N, C-alpha and C. Protein backbone atom coordinates (compact mmCIF):
# COMPACT_ATOMS: atom_id res chain seq x y z
N UNK A 1 11.42 -12.66 0.96
CA UNK A 1 12.55 -12.37 2.27
C UNK A 1 12.80 -14.18 2.68
N UNK A 2 13.79 -14.69 2.73
CA UNK A 2 14.42 -15.49 3.16
C UNK A 2 14.37 -15.82 4.94
N UNK A 3 14.84 -16.79 5.30
CA UNK A 3 14.75 -16.93 6.83
C UNK A 3 16.46 -16.65 7.16
N UNK A 4 17.20 -16.16 7.69
CA UNK A 4 18.37 -16.83 8.23
C UNK A 4 19.07 -16.22 7.16
N UNK A 5 18.04 -15.01 6.23
CA UNK A 5 19.16 -14.50 4.92
C UNK A 5 20.14 -13.25 5.51
N UNK A 6 21.22 -12.94 3.98
CA UNK A 6 22.72 -12.48 4.72
C UNK A 6 21.93 -10.88 5.00
N UNK A 7 22.81 -10.63 5.12
CA UNK A 7 22.75 -8.66 5.52
C UNK A 7 23.49 -7.74 4.45
N UNK A 8 23.19 -6.91 3.93
CA UNK A 8 21.86 -5.78 4.98
C UNK A 8 20.73 -6.79 4.54
N UNK A 9 19.88 -5.86 5.46
CA UNK A 9 18.55 -6.16 5.19
C UNK A 9 17.88 -6.36 3.56
N UNK A 10 17.13 -7.38 3.20
CA UNK A 10 16.86 -6.75 2.02
C UNK A 10 15.26 -7.98 1.49
N UNK A 11 15.35 -7.52 0.22
CA UNK A 11 14.06 -8.70 -0.30
C UNK A 11 15.09 -8.73 -1.64
N UNK A 12 13.58 -10.39 -2.14
CA UNK A 12 14.27 -10.93 -3.77
C UNK A 12 13.18 -9.95 -4.11
N UNK A 13 13.01 -9.69 -5.47
CA UNK A 13 12.43 -8.56 -6.57
C UNK A 13 12.16 -9.75 -7.84
N UNK A 14 11.68 -10.42 -8.13
CA UNK A 14 11.27 -11.20 -8.98
C UNK A 14 10.44 -11.04 -10.06
N UNK A 15 10.58 -10.44 -11.69
CA UNK A 15 9.85 -10.26 -12.87
C UNK A 15 10.33 -10.88 -13.69
N UNK A 16 9.60 -11.71 -14.53
CA UNK A 16 9.84 -12.86 -15.19
C UNK A 16 10.69 -13.64 -15.40
N UNK A 17 11.93 -13.38 -16.16
CA UNK A 17 13.51 -13.92 -15.50
C UNK A 17 14.41 -13.17 -15.39
N UNK A 18 14.15 -11.91 -14.60
CA UNK A 18 14.75 -11.05 -13.98
C UNK A 18 14.67 -12.31 -12.40
N UNK A 19 15.92 -10.74 -11.64
CA UNK A 19 15.54 -11.15 -10.17
C UNK A 19 17.07 -9.80 -9.61
N UNK A 20 16.73 -9.29 -8.35
CA UNK A 20 16.92 -8.33 -8.03
C UNK A 20 16.92 -8.43 -6.83
N UNK A 21 18.12 -7.90 -5.75
CA UNK A 21 17.75 -8.35 -4.41
C UNK A 21 17.84 -7.04 -4.38
N UNK A 22 16.77 -6.21 -3.25
CA UNK A 22 16.59 -4.87 -2.96
C UNK A 22 16.92 -4.33 -1.51
N UNK A 23 18.35 -3.49 -1.50
CA UNK A 23 17.98 -3.52 -0.01
C UNK A 23 17.27 -2.10 0.64
N UNK A 24 16.77 -2.84 1.95
CA UNK A 24 15.63 -1.84 2.38
C UNK A 24 15.95 -0.86 2.84
N UNK A 25 17.06 -0.80 3.52
CA UNK A 25 17.44 0.72 4.09
C UNK A 25 17.73 2.19 3.47
N UNK A 26 18.73 1.09 2.21
CA UNK A 26 18.40 2.14 1.23
C UNK A 26 18.18 1.83 0.07
N UNK A 27 16.65 1.89 0.03
CA UNK A 27 16.27 1.19 -1.36
C UNK A 27 16.92 1.64 -2.84
N UNK A 28 17.96 0.05 -3.04
CA UNK A 28 18.57 0.01 -4.47
C UNK A 28 18.48 -1.37 -4.55
N UNK A 29 19.06 -1.50 -6.03
CA UNK A 29 19.08 -2.60 -6.21
C UNK A 29 21.30 -3.24 -5.97
N UNK A 30 21.36 -3.47 -4.51
CA UNK A 30 22.85 -4.18 -4.34
C UNK A 30 23.61 -5.64 -5.72
N UNK A 31 22.60 -6.49 -6.20
CA UNK A 31 22.62 -7.75 -6.52
C UNK A 31 21.68 -7.88 -7.43
N UNK A 32 21.86 -8.11 -8.91
CA UNK A 32 20.78 -9.04 -10.17
C UNK A 32 20.69 -7.67 -10.61
N UNK A 33 19.05 -7.97 -11.77
CA UNK A 33 18.63 -6.45 -12.18
C UNK A 33 17.24 -6.42 -12.77
N UNK A 34 16.78 -5.62 -12.50
CA UNK A 34 15.49 -5.59 -13.45
C UNK A 34 15.26 -4.55 -14.31
N UNK A 35 14.49 -4.86 -15.42
CA UNK A 35 13.97 -3.80 -16.71
C UNK A 35 13.80 -2.65 -15.28
N UNK A 36 13.98 -1.36 -15.88
CA UNK A 36 14.09 0.13 -15.47
C UNK A 36 12.85 0.59 -15.40
N UNK A 37 11.63 0.60 -16.18
CA UNK A 37 10.28 0.50 -15.71
C UNK A 37 10.06 0.01 -14.32
N UNK A 38 10.32 -1.45 -14.03
CA UNK A 38 9.80 -2.70 -13.24
C UNK A 38 10.96 -1.94 -11.76
N UNK A 39 12.12 -1.87 -11.89
CA UNK A 39 13.20 -1.23 -11.46
C UNK A 39 12.28 -0.11 -10.49
N UNK A 40 11.70 1.06 -10.71
CA UNK A 40 11.30 2.65 -10.45
C UNK A 40 10.05 1.91 -9.53
N UNK A 41 8.90 0.81 -10.25
CA UNK A 41 8.05 0.64 -9.33
C UNK A 41 8.18 0.47 -7.68
N UNK A 42 9.23 -0.88 -8.41
CA UNK A 42 10.21 -1.78 -7.06
C UNK A 42 10.76 -0.35 -5.77
N UNK A 43 11.23 0.35 -6.56
CA UNK A 43 11.46 1.47 -5.53
C UNK A 43 10.52 1.95 -5.34
N UNK A 44 9.70 2.37 -5.41
CA UNK A 44 8.26 3.45 -5.40
C UNK A 44 7.71 2.69 -4.16
N UNK A 45 7.51 1.63 -4.35
CA UNK A 45 7.34 0.42 -3.44
C UNK A 45 7.84 -0.18 -1.82
N UNK A 46 9.44 0.30 -2.17
CA UNK A 46 9.38 -0.27 -0.93
C UNK A 46 9.95 1.54 -0.46
N UNK A 47 9.96 1.89 -0.94
CA UNK A 47 9.83 3.66 -0.36
C UNK A 47 8.73 4.04 0.87
N UNK A 48 7.09 3.32 0.00
CA UNK A 48 6.19 3.64 0.47
C UNK A 48 6.33 2.43 2.15
N UNK A 49 7.13 1.27 1.73
CA UNK A 49 6.83 0.41 2.42
C UNK A 49 8.21 -0.05 3.92
N UNK A 50 8.42 1.08 3.97
CA UNK A 50 10.48 0.96 4.32
C UNK A 50 10.24 -0.08 5.54
N UNK A 51 9.44 0.78 6.92
CA UNK A 51 9.26 0.42 7.78
C UNK A 51 8.38 -1.32 7.97
N UNK A 52 7.78 -1.27 7.63
CA UNK A 52 6.63 -2.91 7.14
C UNK A 52 8.03 -3.85 6.99
N UNK A 53 8.61 -3.40 5.42
CA UNK A 53 9.84 -4.42 5.04
C UNK A 53 11.20 -5.03 5.96
N UNK A 54 11.47 -3.84 7.22
CA UNK A 54 12.26 -4.04 7.97
C UNK A 54 11.36 -4.60 8.77
N UNK A 55 10.41 -4.20 9.42
CA UNK A 55 9.63 -5.25 10.25
C UNK A 55 9.84 -7.05 9.92
N UNK A 56 9.33 -6.78 8.46
CA UNK A 56 9.33 -8.66 7.66
C UNK A 56 10.88 -9.26 7.71
N UNK A 57 11.97 -8.20 8.33
CA UNK A 57 13.52 -9.02 7.82
C UNK A 57 13.12 -9.18 8.89
N UNK A 58 13.00 -8.41 10.30
CA UNK A 58 13.73 -9.00 11.64
C UNK A 58 12.64 -10.26 11.54
N UNK A 59 11.23 -10.44 11.41
CA UNK A 59 10.81 -12.16 12.01
C UNK A 59 11.23 -12.89 11.50
N UNK A 60 11.92 -12.60 9.67
CA UNK A 60 12.42 -13.54 8.83
C UNK A 60 13.61 -14.23 10.15
N UNK A 61 14.27 -12.88 10.53
CA UNK A 61 16.09 -13.64 11.10
C UNK A 61 15.35 -14.50 12.24
N UNK A 62 14.36 -13.92 13.32
CA UNK A 62 13.28 -14.20 14.23
C UNK A 62 12.33 -16.08 13.84
N UNK A 63 12.98 -16.42 12.65
CA UNK A 63 11.83 -17.78 12.05
C UNK A 63 10.26 -17.23 12.33
N UNK A 64 10.01 -16.32 13.05
CA UNK A 64 8.63 -15.69 12.56
C UNK A 64 7.39 -15.52 11.40
N UNK A 65 6.48 -16.28 11.00
CA UNK A 65 6.05 -16.12 10.43
C UNK A 65 5.81 -14.72 9.49
N UNK A 66 6.15 -14.10 8.27
CA UNK A 66 6.02 -12.47 7.57
C UNK A 66 4.40 -12.10 7.50
N UNK A 67 4.07 -10.72 7.85
CA UNK A 67 2.84 -9.96 7.82
C UNK A 67 3.14 -10.46 6.43
N UNK A 68 1.55 -9.55 5.53
CA UNK A 68 1.24 -8.99 4.76
C UNK A 68 1.71 -8.00 4.16
N UNK A 69 2.11 -7.30 3.19
CA UNK A 69 2.60 -5.84 2.24
C UNK A 69 1.77 -5.68 1.28
N UNK A 70 0.96 -4.59 1.57
CA UNK A 70 0.07 -4.17 0.46
C UNK A 70 0.67 -3.89 -0.99
N UNK A 71 0.36 -3.86 -2.19
CA UNK A 71 0.86 -3.97 -3.50
C UNK A 71 0.64 -2.46 -3.63
N UNK A 72 1.61 -2.18 -4.51
CA UNK A 72 1.31 -0.78 -4.62
C UNK A 72 0.04 -0.54 -5.63
N UNK A 73 -0.30 0.82 -5.55
CA UNK A 73 -1.51 0.91 -5.67
C UNK A 73 -1.82 1.66 -7.79
């Protein structure tokens, strides 16, 4: 996430040379591309941590430090 980033609430998922912007409210890619297997894992992680991601989005908009979110196990 980046401070003062544009709506909708999202984060940047980067995998090698791929990058996608992931919508937090409706877990999906709205820009960019990830390999299908990676995208599946990213969407699963987003669904598991949606509230935490939205909380971090709000922190980023207020220029506050982000909280660490656990990786997919």
